[in-house]
Amino acid sequence: MNKALVLTFAIAALAGCAEMGKKGIEVKGYLAACPATKSSIGDVPSCGKAWKLASGEAELETDGDLEVEVYGLVLNDTSTGDANGTPDGVDGVAAAVVCGGKVVAQTEVVALSKQGNAKIERKVSVPSDCANPVIVLRERYEGKVGGWLAATGR
């Protein structure tokens, strides 16, 4: 009887451990625009100018489904002249997952509209031991993916 009970608990514990291995990282939150304070997020550099965001949300599910949606992501810097209130030369964005200060996953670039709107829905692979996950939206400017324009809580 005792051996059967111990064996039952052992099997249940192993099954639980196997399920734990299947679970991934989950992040959900509102995005905040880059204030141009030269603050990087891990190895992702800061934006060059201040940005504002009408609204934005990001969600990374345990299965790796990543969804990021932004509206009104535009420059908020009068030094840019007529470009203020527009995305200026930023024509696309990519979503990246930063764990422990390192980019561990990043999507392909999607278009950023002239109004500063974009939606990303992709599957990414994130390590299960991801420490302090942050989702960042990175700019594509002059064909290159660069600094962050918006991010979840840091």
C-alpha atoms as a PDB file:
ATOM      1  CA  MET A   1       0.000   0.000   0.000  1.00  0.00           C
ATOM      2  CA  ASN A   2       2.739   2.493   0.975  1.00  0.00           C
ATOM      3  CA  LYS A   3       4.766   1.643  -2.126  1.00  0.00           C
ATOM      4  CA  ALA A   4       1.720   2.210  -4.318  1.00  0.00           C
ATOM      5  CA  LEU A   5       1.030   5.546  -2.634  1.00  0.00           C
ATOM      6  CA  VAL A   6       4.664   6.690  -2.988  1.00  0.00           C
ATOM      7  CA  LEU A   7       4.676   5.584  -6.630  1.00  0.00           C
ATOM      8  CA  THR A   8       1.441   7.512  -7.273  1.00  0.00           C
ATOM      9  CA  PHE A   9       2.919  10.688  -5.746  1.00  0.00           C
ATOM     10  CA  ALA A  10       6.139  10.249  -7.711  1.00  0.00           C
ATOM     11  CA  ILE A  11       4.243   9.886 -10.999  1.00  0.00           C
ATOM     12  CA  ALA A  12       2.092  12.922 -10.175  1.00  0.00           C
ATOM     13  CA  ALA A  13       5.199  14.962  -9.323  1.00  0.00           C
ATOM     14  CA  LEU A  14       6.929  13.971 -12.561  1.00  0.00           C
ATOM     15  CA  ALA A  15       3.827  14.837 -14.561  1.00  0.00           C
ATOM     16  CA  GLY A  16       3.711  18.217 -12.823  1.00  0.00           C
ATOM     17  CA  CYS A  17       7.365  18.859 -13.657  1.00  0.00           C
ATOM     18  CA  ALA A  18       6.722  17.946 -17.273  1.00  0.00           C
ATOM     19  CA  GLU A  19       3.851  20.433 -17.382  1.00  0.00           C
ATOM     20  CA  MET A  20       6.069  23.117 -15.839  1.00  0.00           C
ATOM     21  CA  GLY A  21       8.541  22.601 -18.650  1.00  0.00           C
ATOM     22  CA  LYS A  22       5.794  23.315 -21.190  1.00  0.00           C
ATOM     23  CA  LYS A  23       4.897  26.651 -19.658  1.00  0.00           C
ATOM     24  CA  GLY A  24       6.596  29.704 -21.050  1.00  0.00           C
ATOM     25  CA  ILE A  25       6.875  33.303 -20.073  1.00  0.00           C
ATOM     26  CA  GLU A  26       3.771  35.465 -20.043  1.00  0.00           C
ATOM     27  CA  VAL A  27       3.820  39.266 -20.281  1.00  0.00           C
ATOM     28  CA  LYS A  28       0.870  41.597 -20.691  1.00  0.00           C
ATOM     29  CA  GLY A  29       0.826  45.339 -20.341  1.00  0.00           C
ATOM     30  CA  TYR A  30       0.340  48.795 -21.687  1.00  0.00           C
ATOM     31  CA  LEU A  31       3.122  50.388 -23.676  1.00  0.00           C
ATOM     32  CA  ALA A  32       4.784  53.670 -22.755  1.00  0.00           C
ATOM     33  CA  ALA A  33       6.509  55.874 -25.335  1.00  0.00           C
ATOM     34  CA  CYS A  34      10.241  56.551 -25.274  1.00  0.00           C
ATOM     35  CA  PRO A  35      11.004  59.865 -23.534  1.00  0.00           C
ATOM     36  CA  ALA A  36      14.412  60.333 -25.267  1.00  0.00           C
ATOM     37  CA  THR A  37      16.290  60.305 -21.972  1.00  0.00           C
ATOM     38  CA  LYS A  38      19.021  58.169 -23.512  1.00  0.00           C
ATOM     39  CA  SER A  39      17.908  55.201 -21.413  1.00  0.00           C
ATOM     40  CA  SER A  40      18.463  51.881 -23.113  1.00  0.00           C
ATOM     41  CA  ILE A  41      16.464  48.778 -22.270  1.00  0.00           C
ATOM     42  CA  GLY A  42      19.081  46.109 -21.941  1.00  0.00           C
ATOM     43  CA  ASP A  43      20.988  46.014 -25.199  1.00  0.00           C
ATOM     44  CA  VAL A  44      18.308  47.994 -27.089  1.00  0.00           C
ATOM     45  CA  PRO A  45      19.370  51.645 -27.431  1.00  0.00           C
ATOM     46  CA  SER A  46      17.096  54.566 -26.632  1.00  0.00           C
ATOM     47  CA  CYS A  47      15.204  56.530 -29.249  1.00  0.00           C
ATOM     48  CA  GLY A  48      16.868  59.696 -30.492  1.00  0.00           C
ATOM     49  CA  LYS A  49      13.896  62.034 -29.973  1.00  0.00           C
ATOM     50  CA  ALA A  50      10.887  62.072 -27.636  1.00  0.00           C
ATOM     51  CA  TRP A  51       7.842  60.099 -28.806  1.00  0.00           C
ATOM     52  CA  LYS A  52       4.230  60.002 -27.692  1.00  0.00           C
ATOM     53  CA  LEU A  53       1.653  57.261 -27.925  1.00  0.00           C
ATOM     54  CA  ALA A  54      -2.130  57.594 -28.005  1.00  0.00           C
ATOM     55  CA  SER A  55      -2.497  53.956 -26.905  1.00  0.00           C
ATOM     56  CA  GLY A  56      -0.615  50.705 -27.042  1.00  0.00           C
ATOM     57  CA  GLU A  57      -0.687  47.215 -25.594  1.00  0.00           C
ATOM     58  CA  ALA A  58       1.528  44.164 -25.780  1.00  0.00           C
ATOM     59  CA  GLU A  59       0.923  40.556 -24.822  1.00  0.00           C
ATOM     60  CA  LEU A  60       3.190  37.537 -24.901  1.00  0.00           C
ATOM     61  CA  GLU A  61       1.381  34.283 -24.166  1.00  0.00           C
ATOM     62  CA  THR A  62       2.995  31.189 -22.705  1.00  0.00           C
ATOM     63  CA  ASP A  63       2.887  29.451 -26.105  1.00  0.00           C
ATOM     64  CA  GLY A  64       4.964  32.229 -27.710  1.00  0.00           C
ATOM     65  CA  ASP A  65       2.127  34.141 -29.367  1.00  0.00           C
ATOM     66  CA  LEU A  66       3.155  37.803 -29.337  1.00  0.00           C
ATOM     67  CA  GLU A  67       0.711  40.597 -30.104  1.00  0.00           C
ATOM     68  CA  VAL A  68       1.585  44.282 -30.066  1.00  0.00           C
ATOM     69  CA  GLU A  69      -0.747  47.050 -31.125  1.00  0.00           C
ATOM     70  CA  VAL A  70      -0.033  50.793 -31.173  1.00  0.00           C
ATOM     71  CA  TYR A  71      -2.043  53.844 -32.173  1.00  0.00           C
ATOM     72  CA  GLY A  72      -0.654  57.328 -32.572  1.00  0.00           C
ATOM     73  CA  LEU A  73       3.029  56.522 -32.059  1.00  0.00           C
ATOM     74  CA  VAL A  74       4.541  59.792 -33.276  1.00  0.00           C
ATOM     75  CA  LEU A  75       7.310  62.264 -32.509  1.00  0.00           C
ATOM     76  CA  ASN A  76       6.725  64.572 -29.562  1.00  0.00           C
ATOM     77  CA  ASP A  77       9.632  66.926 -30.100  1.00  0.00           C
ATOM     78  CA  THR A  78       9.233  70.472 -31.429  1.00  0.00           C
ATOM     79  CA  SER A  79      12.887  70.511 -32.509  1.00  0.00           C
ATOM     80  CA  THR A  80      11.840  68.244 -35.394  1.00  0.00           C
ATOM     81  CA  GLY A  81       9.801  71.065 -36.976  1.00  0.00           C
ATOM     82  CA  ASP A  82       7.148  69.864 -39.427  1.00  0.00           C
ATOM     83  CA  ALA A  83       7.933  66.236 -38.564  1.00  0.00           C
ATOM     84  CA  ASN A  84       6.596  66.723 -35.008  1.00  0.00           C
ATOM     85  CA  GLY A  85       3.378  64.734 -34.592  1.00  0.00           C
ATOM     86  CA  THR A  86       4.382  62.260 -37.320  1.00  0.00           C
ATOM     87  CA  PRO A  87       6.556  59.130 -37.405  1.00  0.00           C
ATOM     88  CA  ASP A  88       8.925  61.134 -39.672  1.00  0.00           C
ATOM     89  CA  GLY A  89      11.311  58.655 -41.362  1.00  0.00           C
ATOM     90  CA  VAL A  90      10.320  55.672 -39.219  1.00  0.00           C
ATOM     91  CA  ASP A  91       8.444  53.478 -41.665  1.00  0.00           C
ATOM     92  CA  GLY A  92       8.251  50.262 -39.674  1.00  0.00           C
ATOM     93  CA  VAL A  93       8.542  48.633 -36.266  1.00  0.00           C
ATOM     94  CA  ALA A  94       9.613  45.268 -34.873  1.00  0.00           C
ATOM     95  CA  ALA A  95       8.675  43.823 -31.494  1.00  0.00           C
ATOM     96  CA  ALA A  96      11.443  42.377 -29.351  1.00  0.00           C
ATOM     97  CA  VAL A  97      11.408  40.461 -26.076  1.00  0.00           C
ATOM     98  CA  VAL A  98      14.210  41.442 -23.721  1.00  0.00           C
ATOM     99  CA  CYS A  99      15.132  39.027 -20.912  1.00  0.00           C
ATOM    100  CA  GLY A 100      17.751  39.918 -18.338  1.00  0.00           C
ATOM    101  CA  GLY A 101      18.936  42.776 -20.527  1.00  0.00           C
ATOM    102  CA  LYS A 102      19.339  40.756 -23.750  1.00  0.00           C
ATOM    103  CA  VAL A 103      17.110  40.547 -26.820  1.00  0.00           C
ATOM    104  CA  VAL A 104      16.049  36.896 -26.958  1.00  0.00           C
ATOM    105  CA  ALA A 105      13.374  37.136 -29.655  1.00  0.00           C
ATOM    106  CA  GLN A 106      12.381  39.649 -32.295  1.00  0.00           C
ATOM    107  CA  THR A 107       9.709  39.766 -34.973  1.00  0.00           C
ATOM    108  CA  GLU A 108      10.054  40.845 -38.563  1.00  0.00           C
ATOM    109  CA  VAL A 109       9.382  44.515 -39.250  1.00  0.00           C
ATOM    110  CA  VAL A 110       5.794  45.568 -40.001  1.00  0.00           C
ATOM    111  CA  ALA A 111       4.702  48.868 -41.497  1.00  0.00           C
ATOM    112  CA  LEU A 112       4.072  51.885 -39.268  1.00  0.00           C
ATOM    113  CA  SER A 113       1.368  54.062 -40.824  1.00  0.00           C
ATOM    114  CA  LYS A 114       1.725  57.832 -41.277  1.00  0.00           C
ATOM    115  CA  GLN A 115      -0.611  58.149 -38.277  1.00  0.00           C
ATOM    116  CA  GLY A 116       1.715  55.987 -36.158  1.00  0.00           C
ATOM    117  CA  ASN A 117      -0.427  52.836 -36.112  1.00  0.00           C
ATOM    118  CA  ALA A 118       0.867  49.267 -36.297  1.00  0.00           C
ATOM    119  CA  LYS A 119      -0.152  45.750 -35.319  1.00  0.00           C
ATOM    120  CA  ILE A 120       2.149  42.771 -34.885  1.00  0.00           C
ATOM    121  CA  GLU A 121       0.928  39.200 -34.432  1.00  0.00           C
ATOM    122  CA  ARG A 122       3.721  36.644 -34.512  1.00  0.00           C
ATOM    123  CA  LYS A 123       4.971  33.522 -32.794  1.00  0.00           C
ATOM    124  CA  VAL A 124       8.322  33.882 -31.014  1.00  0.00           C
ATOM    125  CA  SER A 125      10.484  31.522 -29.005  1.00  0.00           C
ATOM    126  CA  VAL A 126      11.435  32.779 -25.545  1.00  0.00           C
ATOM    127  CA  PRO A 127      13.571  30.821 -23.058  1.00  0.00           C
ATOM    128  CA  SER A 128      11.578  29.492 -20.103  1.00  0.00           C
ATOM    129  CA  ASP A 129      14.105  31.025 -17.702  1.00  0.00           C
ATOM    130  CA  CYS A 130      13.539  34.547 -19.055  1.00  0.00           C
ATOM    131  CA  ALA A 131      14.329  37.015 -16.259  1.00  0.00           C
ATOM    132  CA  ASN A 132      12.508  40.361 -16.041  1.00  0.00           C
ATOM    133  CA  PRO A 133      10.834  40.190 -19.464  1.00  0.00           C
ATOM    134  CA  VAL A 134      10.119  43.458 -21.273  1.00  0.00           C
ATOM    135  CA  ILE A 135       8.468  43.848 -24.671  1.00  0.00           C
ATOM    136  CA  VAL A 136       9.951  46.686 -26.715  1.00  0.00           C
ATOM    137  CA  LEU A 137       8.818  48.152 -30.009  1.00  0.00           C
ATOM    138  CA  ARG A 138      11.878  49.013 -32.098  1.00  0.00           C
ATOM    139  CA  GLU A 139      12.069  51.488 -34.956  1.00  0.00           C
ATOM    140  CA  ARG A 140      13.093  50.842 -38.534  1.00  0.00           C
ATOM    141  CA  TYR A 141      14.721  54.008 -39.804  1.00  0.00           C
ATOM    142  CA  GLU A 142      16.584  54.235 -43.095  1.00  0.00           C
ATOM    143  CA  GLY A 143      16.248  50.468 -43.499  1.00  0.00           C
ATOM    144  CA  LYS A 144      17.822  49.559 -40.147  1.00  0.00           C
ATOM    145  CA  VAL A 145      16.183  48.320 -36.949  1.00  0.00           C
ATOM    146  CA  GLY A 146      17.379  50.533 -34.123  1.00  0.00           C
ATOM    147  CA  GLY A 147      16.268  51.980 -30.802  1.00  0.00           C
ATOM    148  CA  TRP A 148      13.087  51.446 -28.844  1.00  0.00           C
ATOM    149  CA  LEU A 149      10.053  53.684 -29.318  1.00  0.00           C
ATOM    150  CA  ALA A 150       7.673  52.078 -26.801  1.00  0.00           C
ATOM    151  CA  ALA A 151       7.928  49.403 -24.114  1.00  0.00           C
ATOM    152  CA  THR A 152       6.041  47.587 -21.403  1.00  0.00           C
ATOM    153  CA  GLY A 153       6.944  48.300 -17.750  1.00  0.00           C
ATOM    154  CA  ARG A 154      10.662  48.232 -17.114  1.00  0.00           C
END
